[in-house]
PDB file of N, CA and C in Angstrom:
ATOM      1  N   MET A   1       0.849  -1.186   0.000  1.00  0.00           N
ATOM      2  CA  MET A   1       0.000   0.000   0.000  1.00  0.00           C
ATOM      3  C   MET A   1       0.891   1.245   0.000  1.00  0.00           C
ATOM      4  N   ASN A   2       0.481   2.247  -0.708  1.00  0.00           N
ATOM      5  CA  ASN A   2       1.233   3.485  -0.833  1.00  0.00           C
ATOM      6  C   ASN A   2       0.548   4.569   0.000  1.00  0.00           C
ATOM      7  N   ASP A   3       1.022   4.773   1.221  1.00  0.00           N
ATOM      8  CA  ASP A   3       0.422   5.759   2.118  1.00  0.00           C
ATOM      9  C   ASP A   3       0.981   7.151   1.841  1.00  0.00           C
ATOM     10  N   PRO A   4       0.173   8.189   2.099  1.00  0.00           N
ATOM     11  CA  PRO A   4       0.682   9.553   1.928  1.00  0.00           C
ATOM     12  C   PRO A   4       1.820   9.810   2.909  1.00  0.00           C
ATOM     13  N   GLN A   5       2.809  10.567   2.445  1.00  0.00           N
ATOM     14  CA  GLN A   5       3.974  10.901   3.254  1.00  0.00           C
ATOM     15  C   GLN A   5       4.027  12.404   3.465  1.00  0.00           C
ATOM     16  N   PRO A   6       4.478  12.844   4.641  1.00  0.00           N
ATOM     17  CA  PRO A   6       4.609  14.294   4.863  1.00  0.00           C
ATOM     18  C   PRO A   6       5.768  14.868   4.057  1.00  0.00           C
ATOM     19  N   LEU A   7       5.684  16.158   3.777  1.00  0.00           N
ATOM     20  CA  LEU A   7       6.746  16.851   3.059  1.00  0.00           C
ATOM     21  C   LEU A   7       7.806  17.346   4.031  1.00  0.00           C
ATOM     22  N   THR A   8       9.032  17.407   3.558  1.00  0.00           N
ATOM     23  CA  THR A   8      10.107  18.013   4.337  1.00  0.00           C
ATOM     24  C   THR A   8      10.011  19.530   4.196  1.00  0.00           C
ATOM     25  N   ASP A   9      10.726  20.251   5.039  1.00  0.00           N
ATOM     26  CA  ASP A   9      10.758  21.715   4.916  1.00  0.00           C
ATOM     27  C   ASP A   9      11.285  22.129   3.545  1.00  0.00           C
ATOM     28  N   ALA A  10      12.282  21.411   3.031  1.00  0.00           N
ATOM     29  CA  ALA A  10      12.850  21.725   1.715  1.00  0.00           C
ATOM     30  C   ALA A  10      11.809  21.521   0.609  1.00  0.00           C
ATOM     31  N   GLU A  11      10.984  20.482   0.724  1.00  0.00           N
ATOM     32  CA  GLU A  11       9.941  20.250  -0.288  1.00  0.00           C
ATOM     33  C   GLU A  11       8.861  21.318  -0.221  1.00  0.00           C
ATOM     34  N   TRP A  12       8.490  21.754   0.993  1.00  0.00           N
ATOM     35  CA  TRP A  12       7.539  22.859   1.119  1.00  0.00           C
ATOM     36  C   TRP A  12       8.089  24.113   0.438  1.00  0.00           C
ATOM     37  N   GLN A  13       9.369  24.391   0.645  1.00  0.00           N
ATOM     38  CA  GLN A  13       9.987  25.568   0.026  1.00  0.00           C
ATOM     39  C   GLN A  13      10.003  25.432  -1.488  1.00  0.00           C
ATOM     40  N   GLU A  14      10.307  24.232  -1.960  1.00  0.00           N
ATOM     41  CA  GLU A  14      10.333  23.993  -3.404  1.00  0.00           C
ATOM     42  C   GLU A  14       8.952  24.236  -4.013  1.00  0.00           C
ATOM     43  N   LEU A  15       7.908  23.774  -3.347  1.00  0.00           N
ATOM     44  CA  LEU A  15       6.544  24.042  -3.829  1.00  0.00           C
ATOM     45  C   LEU A  15       6.262  25.545  -3.794  1.00  0.00           C
ATOM     46  N   SER A  16       6.646  26.207  -2.714  1.00  0.00           N
ATOM     47  CA  SER A  16       6.400  27.653  -2.571  1.00  0.00           C
ATOM     48  C   SER A  16       7.077  28.471  -3.653  1.00  0.00           C
ATOM     49  N   ASP A  17       8.170  27.966  -4.192  1.00  0.00           N
ATOM     50  CA  ASP A  17       8.925  28.689  -5.215  1.00  0.00           C
ATOM     51  C   ASP A  17       8.349  28.529  -6.616  1.00  0.00           C
ATOM     52  N   LEU A  18       7.406  27.620  -6.803  1.00  0.00           N
ATOM     53  CA  LEU A  18       6.827  27.397  -8.138  1.00  0.00           C
ATOM     54  C   LEU A  18       5.865  28.527  -8.497  1.00  0.00           C
ATOM     55  N   PRO A  19       5.968  29.080  -9.708  1.00  0.00           N
ATOM     56  CA  PRO A  19       5.075  30.174 -10.111  1.00  0.00           C
ATOM     57  C   PRO A  19       3.592  29.820  -9.990  1.00  0.00           C
ATOM     58  N   GLU A  20       3.222  28.586 -10.331  1.00  0.00           N
ATOM     59  CA  GLU A  20       1.814  28.177 -10.256  1.00  0.00           C
ATOM     60  C   GLU A  20       1.296  28.253  -8.822  1.00  0.00           C
ATOM     61  N   VAL A  21       2.126  27.866  -7.885  1.00  0.00           N
ATOM     62  CA  VAL A  21       1.734  27.886  -6.475  1.00  0.00           C
ATOM     63  C   VAL A  21       1.707  29.322  -5.959  1.00  0.00           C
ATOM     64  N   GLN A  22       2.698  30.115  -6.319  1.00  0.00           N
ATOM     65  CA  GLN A  22       2.713  31.512  -5.895  1.00  0.00           C
ATOM     66  C   GLN A  22       1.471  32.236  -6.382  1.00  0.00           C
ATOM     67  N   GLU A  23       1.105  32.011  -7.638  1.00  0.00           N
ATOM     68  CA  GLU A  23      -0.084  32.651  -8.194  1.00  0.00           C
ATOM     69  C   GLU A  23      -1.354  32.129  -7.516  1.00  0.00           C
ATOM     70  N   GLY A  24      -1.447  30.829  -7.360  1.00  0.00           N
ATOM     71  CA  GLY A  24      -2.653  30.224  -6.786  1.00  0.00           C
ATOM     72  C   GLY A  24      -2.890  30.583  -5.335  1.00  0.00           C
ATOM     73  N   PHE A  25      -1.821  30.802  -4.579  1.00  0.00           N
ATOM     74  CA  PHE A  25      -1.949  31.092  -3.157  1.00  0.00           C
ATOM     75  C   PHE A  25      -1.611  32.538  -2.816  1.00  0.00           C
ATOM     76  N   GLY A  26      -1.304  33.361  -3.797  1.00  0.00           N
ATOM     77  CA  GLY A  26      -1.024  34.770  -3.548  1.00  0.00           C
ATOM     78  C   GLY A  26       0.287  35.015  -2.832  1.00  0.00           C
ATOM     79  N   ILE A  27       1.246  34.110  -3.007  1.00  0.00           N
ATOM     80  CA  ILE A  27       2.546  34.252  -2.341  1.00  0.00           C
ATOM     81  C   ILE A  27       3.383  35.298  -3.067  1.00  0.00           C
ATOM     82  N   GLY A  28       3.928  36.221  -2.317  1.00  0.00           N
ATOM     83  CA  GLY A  28       4.811  37.222  -2.896  1.00  0.00           C
ATOM     84  C   GLY A  28       4.113  38.398  -3.559  1.00  0.00           C
ATOM     85  N   LEU A  29       2.816  38.511  -3.399  1.00  0.00           N
ATOM     86  CA  LEU A  29       2.101  39.642  -3.986  1.00  0.00           C
ATOM     87  C   LEU A  29       2.382  40.913  -3.196  1.00  0.00           C
ATOM     88  N   SER A  30       2.419  42.048  -3.890  1.00  0.00           N
ATOM     89  CA  SER A  30       2.646  43.311  -3.189  1.00  0.00           C
ATOM     90  C   SER A  30       1.451  43.641  -2.287  1.00  0.00           C
ATOM     91  N   MET A  31       0.262  43.184  -2.668  1.00  0.00           N
ATOM     92  CA  MET A  31      -0.932  43.333  -1.832  1.00  0.00           C
ATOM     93  C   MET A  31      -1.448  41.926  -1.553  1.00  0.00           C
ATOM     94  N   PRO A  32      -1.025  41.304  -0.439  1.00  0.00           N
ATOM     95  CA  PRO A  32      -1.387  39.921  -0.162  1.00  0.00           C
ATOM     96  C   PRO A  32      -2.895  39.697  -0.091  1.00  0.00           C
ATOM     97  N   ILE A  33      -3.295  38.502  -0.392  1.00  0.00           N
ATOM     98  CA  ILE A  33      -4.702  38.106  -0.286  1.00  0.00           C
ATOM     99  C   ILE A  33      -5.083  38.082   1.192  1.00  0.00           C
ATOM    100  N   GLU A  34      -6.256  38.582   1.511  1.00  0.00           N
ATOM    101  CA  GLU A  34      -6.744  38.602   2.896  1.00  0.00           C
ATOM    102  C   GLU A  34      -6.643  37.216   3.521  1.00  0.00           C
ATOM    103  N   GLY A  35      -6.013  37.119   4.670  1.00  0.00           N
ATOM    104  CA  GLY A  35      -5.900  35.863   5.387  1.00  0.00           C
ATOM    105  C   GLY A  35      -4.735  34.989   4.976  1.00  0.00           C
ATOM    106  N   VAL A  36      -4.008  35.401   3.944  1.00  0.00           N
ATOM    107  CA  VAL A  36      -2.864  34.614   3.475  1.00  0.00           C
ATOM    108  C   VAL A  36      -1.599  35.397   3.814  1.00  0.00           C
ATOM    109  N   ASP A  37      -1.031  35.091   4.974  1.00  0.00           N
ATOM    110  CA  ASP A  37       0.139  35.858   5.380  1.00  0.00           C
ATOM    111  C   ASP A  37       1.228  35.008   6.018  1.00  0.00           C
ATOM    112  N   GLY A  38       1.104  33.701   5.954  1.00  0.00           N
ATOM    113  CA  GLY A  38       2.118  32.839   6.544  1.00  0.00           C
ATOM    114  C   GLY A  38       2.750  31.948   5.502  1.00  0.00           C
ATOM    115  N   PRO A  39       3.649  31.083   5.954  1.00  0.00           N
ATOM    116  CA  PRO A  39       4.252  30.118   5.031  1.00  0.00           C
ATOM    117  C   PRO A  39       3.193  29.208   4.428  1.00  0.00           C
ATOM    118  N   LEU A  40       3.504  28.648   3.284  1.00  0.00           N
ATOM    119  CA  LEU A  40       2.558  27.798   2.571  1.00  0.00           C
ATOM    120  C   LEU A  40       2.019  26.683   3.460  1.00  0.00           C
ATOM    121  N   GLN A  41       2.866  26.060   4.283  1.00  0.00           N
ATOM    122  CA  GLN A  41       2.400  24.953   5.101  1.00  0.00           C
ATOM    123  C   GLN A  41       1.404  25.369   6.182  1.00  0.00           C
ATOM    124  N   GLU A  42       1.242  26.680   6.408  1.00  0.00           N
ATOM    125  CA  GLU A  42       0.237  27.159   7.352  1.00  0.00           C
ATOM    126  C   GLU A  42      -1.102  27.450   6.679  1.00  0.00           C
ATOM    127  N   ILE A  43      -1.118  27.509   5.344  1.00  0.00           N
ATOM    128  CA  ILE A  43      -2.360  27.833   4.638  1.00  0.00           C
ATOM    129  C   ILE A  43      -2.796  26.740   3.667  1.00  0.00           C
ATOM    130  N   ALA A  44      -2.034  25.640   3.625  1.00  0.00           N
ATOM    131  CA  ALA A  44      -2.356  24.565   2.687  1.00  0.00           C
ATOM    132  C   ALA A  44      -2.006  23.222   3.312  1.00  0.00           C
ATOM    133  N   TYR A  45      -2.498  22.177   2.687  1.00  0.00           N
ATOM    134  CA  TYR A  45      -2.168  20.810   3.074  1.00  0.00           C
ATOM    135  C   TYR A  45      -1.491  20.159   1.878  1.00  0.00           C
ATOM    136  N   ALA A  46      -0.442  19.411   2.121  1.00  0.00           N
ATOM    137  CA  ALA A  46       0.239  18.711   1.035  1.00  0.00           C
ATOM    138  C   ALA A  46       0.731  17.360   1.531  1.00  0.00           C
ATOM    139  N   CYS A  47       0.836  16.441   0.598  1.00  0.00           N
ATOM    140  CA  CYS A  47       1.427  15.138   0.882  1.00  0.00           C
ATOM    141  C   CYS A  47       2.068  14.641  -0.407  1.00  0.00           C
ATOM    142  N   LYS A  48       2.878  13.594  -0.266  1.00  0.00           N
ATOM    143  CA  LYS A  48       3.487  13.028  -1.459  1.00  0.00           C
ATOM    144  C   LYS A  48       3.325  11.516  -1.416  1.00  0.00           C
ATOM    145  N   PHE A  49       3.380  10.940  -2.594  1.00  0.00           N
ATOM    146  CA  PHE A  49       3.329   9.499  -2.768  1.00  0.00           C
ATOM    147  C   PHE A  49       4.510   9.098  -3.633  1.00  0.00           C
ATOM    148  N   ASP A  50       5.058   7.938  -3.373  1.00  0.00           N
ATOM    149  CA  ASP A  50       6.118   7.394  -4.216  1.00  0.00           C
ATOM    150  C   ASP A  50       5.497   6.316  -5.101  1.00  0.00           C
ATOM    151  N   PHE A  51       5.546   6.514  -6.405  1.00  0.00           N
ATOM    152  CA  PHE A  51       4.973   5.574  -7.355  1.00  0.00           C
ATOM    153  C   PHE A  51       6.070   4.829  -8.090  1.00  0.00           C
ATOM    154  N   SER A  52       5.825   3.570  -8.332  1.00  0.00           N
ATOM    155  CA  SER A  52       6.701   2.780  -9.196  1.00  0.00           C
ATOM    156  C   SER A  52       6.036   2.723 -10.564  1.00  0.00           C
ATOM    157  N   PRO A  53       6.776   2.453 -11.625  1.00  0.00           N
ATOM    158  CA  PRO A  53       6.165   2.380 -12.962  1.00  0.00           C
ATOM    159  C   PRO A  53       5.032   1.346 -13.045  1.00  0.00           C
ATOM    160  N   GLN A  54       5.060   0.324 -12.197  1.00  0.00           N
ATOM    161  CA  GLN A  54       3.978  -0.659 -12.206  1.00  0.00           C
ATOM    162  C   GLN A  54       2.683  -0.082 -11.632  1.00  0.00           C
ATOM    163  N   MET A  55       2.803   0.878 -10.717  1.00  0.00           N
ATOM    164  CA  MET A  55       1.632   1.493 -10.092  1.00  0.00           C
ATOM    165  C   MET A  55       1.035   2.587 -10.966  1.00  0.00           C
ATOM    166  N   MET A  56       1.878   3.256 -11.703  1.00  0.00           N
ATOM    167  CA  MET A  56       1.447   4.399 -12.520  1.00  0.00           C
ATOM    168  C   MET A  56       2.190   4.306 -13.851  1.00  0.00           C
ATOM    169  N   PRO A  57       1.640   3.585 -14.804  1.00  0.00           N
ATOM    170  CA  PRO A  57       2.352   3.375 -16.078  1.00  0.00           C
ATOM    171  C   PRO A  57       2.832   4.693 -16.694  1.00  0.00           C
ATOM    172  N   GLY A  58       4.093   4.698 -17.109  1.00  0.00           N
ATOM    173  CA  GLY A  58       4.667   5.876 -17.743  1.00  0.00           C
ATOM    174  C   GLY A  58       5.358   6.814 -16.782  1.00  0.00           C
ATOM    175  N   TYR A  59       5.233   6.575 -15.477  1.00  0.00           N
ATOM    176  CA  TYR A  59       5.897   7.447 -14.507  1.00  0.00           C
ATOM    177  C   TYR A  59       6.267   6.648 -13.271  1.00  0.00           C
ATOM    178  N   GLY A  60       7.449   6.858 -12.790  1.00  0.00           N
ATOM    179  CA  GLY A  60       7.889   6.296 -11.525  1.00  0.00           C
ATOM    180  C   GLY A  60       8.574   7.388 -10.744  1.00  0.00           C
ATOM    181  N   GLY A  61       8.144   7.633  -9.548  1.00  0.00           N
ATOM    182  CA  GLY A  61       8.746   8.680  -8.732  1.00  0.00           C
ATOM    183  C   GLY A  61       7.734   9.307  -7.808  1.00  0.00           C
ATOM    184  N   GLU A  62       8.081  10.487  -7.310  1.00  0.00           N
ATOM    185  CA  GLU A  62       7.235  11.172  -6.340  1.00  0.00           C
ATOM    186  C   GLU A  62       6.115  11.946  -7.034  1.00  0.00           C
ATOM    187  N   VAL A  63       4.929  11.884  -6.438  1.00  0.00           N
ATOM    188  CA  VAL A  63       3.772  12.661  -6.873  1.00  0.00           C
ATOM    189  C   VAL A  63       3.337  13.493  -5.672  1.00  0.00           C
ATOM    190  N   TYR A  64       3.217  14.796  -5.860  1.00  0.00           N
ATOM    191  CA  TYR A  64       2.852  15.718  -4.789  1.00  0.00           C
ATOM    192  C   TYR A  64       1.439  16.230  -5.016  1.00  0.00           C
ATOM    193  N   LEU A  65       0.640  16.239  -3.953  1.00  0.00           N
ATOM    194  CA  LEU A  65      -0.699  16.818  -3.988  1.00  0.00           C
ATOM    195  C   LEU A  65      -0.714  18.003  -3.047  1.00  0.00           C
ATOM    196  N   LEU A  66      -1.211  19.142  -3.518  1.00  0.00           N
ATOM    197  CA  LEU A  66      -1.266  20.367  -2.724  1.00  0.00           C
ATOM    198  C   LEU A  66      -2.699  20.866  -2.722  1.00  0.00           C
ATOM    199  N   PHE A  67      -3.268  21.001  -1.521  1.00  0.00           N
ATOM    200  CA  PHE A  67      -4.651  21.451  -1.364  1.00  0.00           C
ATOM    201  C   PHE A  67      -4.678  22.786  -0.652  1.00  0.00           C
ATOM    202  N   GLY A  68      -5.510  23.678  -1.149  1.00  0.00           N
ATOM    203  CA  GLY A  68      -5.772  24.935  -0.462  1.00  0.00           C
ATOM    204  C   GLY A  68      -7.201  24.911   0.029  1.00  0.00           C
ATOM    205  N   ASP A  69      -7.943  25.972  -0.245  1.00  0.00           N
ATOM    206  CA  ASP A  69      -9.340  26.016   0.174  1.00  0.00           C
ATOM    207  C   ASP A  69     -10.268  25.455  -0.899  1.00  0.00           C
ATOM    208  N   SER A  70      -9.708  24.820  -1.898  1.00  0.00           N
ATOM    209  CA  SER A  70     -10.474  24.187  -2.966  1.00  0.00           C
ATOM    210  C   SER A  70     -10.368  22.674  -2.803  1.00  0.00           C
ATOM    211  N   LEU A  71     -11.392  21.967  -3.255  1.00  0.00           N
ATOM    212  CA  LEU A  71     -11.353  20.508  -3.176  1.00  0.00           C
ATOM    213  C   LEU A  71     -10.511  19.898  -4.286  1.00  0.00           C
ATOM    214  N   GLU A  72     -10.155  20.695  -5.279  1.00  0.00           N
ATOM    215  CA  GLU A  72      -9.345  20.192  -6.389  1.00  0.00           C
ATOM    216  C   GLU A  72      -7.872  20.474  -6.118  1.00  0.00           C
ATOM    217  N   PRO A  73      -7.060  19.421  -6.002  1.00  0.00           N
ATOM    218  CA  PRO A  73      -5.654  19.642  -5.655  1.00  0.00           C
ATOM    219  C   PRO A  73      -4.821  20.088  -6.845  1.00  0.00           C
ATOM    220  N   MET A  74      -3.700  20.711  -6.542  1.00  0.00           N
ATOM    221  CA  MET A  74      -2.657  20.948  -7.531  1.00  0.00           C
ATOM    222  C   MET A  74      -1.771  19.711  -7.468  1.00  0.00           C
ATOM    223  N   VAL A  75      -1.385  19.181  -8.620  1.00  0.00           N
ATOM    224  CA  VAL A  75      -0.597  17.947  -8.673  1.00  0.00           C
ATOM    225  C   VAL A  75       0.731  18.235  -9.353  1.00  0.00           C
ATOM    226  N   PHE A  76       1.813  17.758  -8.735  1.00  0.00           N
ATOM    227  CA  PHE A  76       3.151  17.979  -9.256  1.00  0.00           C
ATOM    228  C   PHE A  76       3.927  16.668  -9.282  1.00  0.00           C
ATOM    229  N   ILE A  77       4.788  16.538 -10.279  1.00  0.00           N
ATOM    230  CA  ILE A  77       5.703  15.401 -10.380  1.00  0.00           C
ATOM    231  C   ILE A  77       7.102  15.955 -10.652  1.00  0.00           C
ATOM    232  N   ARG A  78       8.083  15.096 -10.560  1.00  0.00           N
ATOM    233  CA  ARG A  78       9.456  15.516 -10.857  1.00  0.00           C
ATOM    234  C   ARG A  78       9.772  15.218 -12.321  1.00  0.00           C
ATOM    235  N   ASN A  79      10.409  16.180 -12.996  1.00  0.00           N
ATOM    236  CA  ASN A  79      10.836  15.953 -14.375  1.00  0.00           C
ATOM    237  C   ASN A  79      12.161  15.202 -14.369  1.00  0.00           C
ATOM    238  N   THR A  80      12.726  14.978 -15.529  1.00  0.00           N
ATOM    239  CA  THR A  80      13.928  14.164 -15.637  1.00  0.00           C
ATOM    240  C   THR A  80      15.155  14.776 -14.941  1.00  0.00           C
ATOM    241  N   ASP A  81      15.161  16.099 -14.734  1.00  0.00           N
ATOM    242  CA  ASP A  81      16.292  16.698 -14.013  1.00  0.00           C
ATOM    243  C   ASP A  81      15.990  16.905 -12.523  1.00  0.00           C
ATOM    244  N   GLY A  82      14.907  16.310 -12.034  1.00  0.00           N
ATOM    245  CA  GLY A  82      14.603  16.314 -10.605  1.00  0.00           C
ATOM    246  C   GLY A  82      13.812  17.497 -10.091  1.00  0.00           C
ATOM    247  N   LYS A  83      13.423  18.415 -10.968  1.00  0.00           N
ATOM    248  CA  LYS A  83      12.665  19.592 -10.541  1.00  0.00           C
ATOM    249  C   LYS A  83      11.162  19.304 -10.606  1.00  0.00           C
ATOM    250  N   LEU A  84      10.418  19.944  -9.701  1.00  0.00           N
ATOM    251  CA  LEU A  84       8.974  19.777  -9.691  1.00  0.00           C
ATOM    252  C   LEU A  84       8.340  20.512 -10.864  1.00  0.00           C
ATOM    253  N   LYS A  85       7.298  19.895 -11.425  1.00  0.00           N
ATOM    254  CA  LYS A  85       6.525  20.538 -12.484  1.00  0.00           C
ATOM    255  C   LYS A  85       5.069  20.113 -12.330  1.00  0.00           C
ATOM    256  N   ALA A  86       4.166  20.940 -12.823  1.00  0.00           N
ATOM    257  CA  ALA A  86       2.743  20.615 -12.766  1.00  0.00           C
ATOM    258  C   ALA A  86       2.479  19.380 -13.617  1.00  0.00           C
ATOM    259  N   ALA A  87       1.629  18.509 -13.093  1.00  0.00           N
ATOM    260  CA  ALA A  87       1.298  17.274 -13.821  1.00  0.00           C
ATOM    261  C   ALA A  87       0.055  17.491 -14.658  1.00  0.00           C
TER     262      ALA A  87
END
């Protein structure tokens, strides 16, 4: 069974640095969104899963799910050079 795993501080920072996440959560805006004034891990929930190619044909590696106040998560995987990208 593939249980969700918590993110490290470095992984939270890596997610926070992605333009899609900054835009979606209002990170780094000159006029912050009301109620969004802390680190990403204080305003969102995230977990990761490790997939093998047998579990997810065509991809083997970490899959990250990031939830804010929406029920639809942002999904990220690692590209061939190890950087996170939107799936």
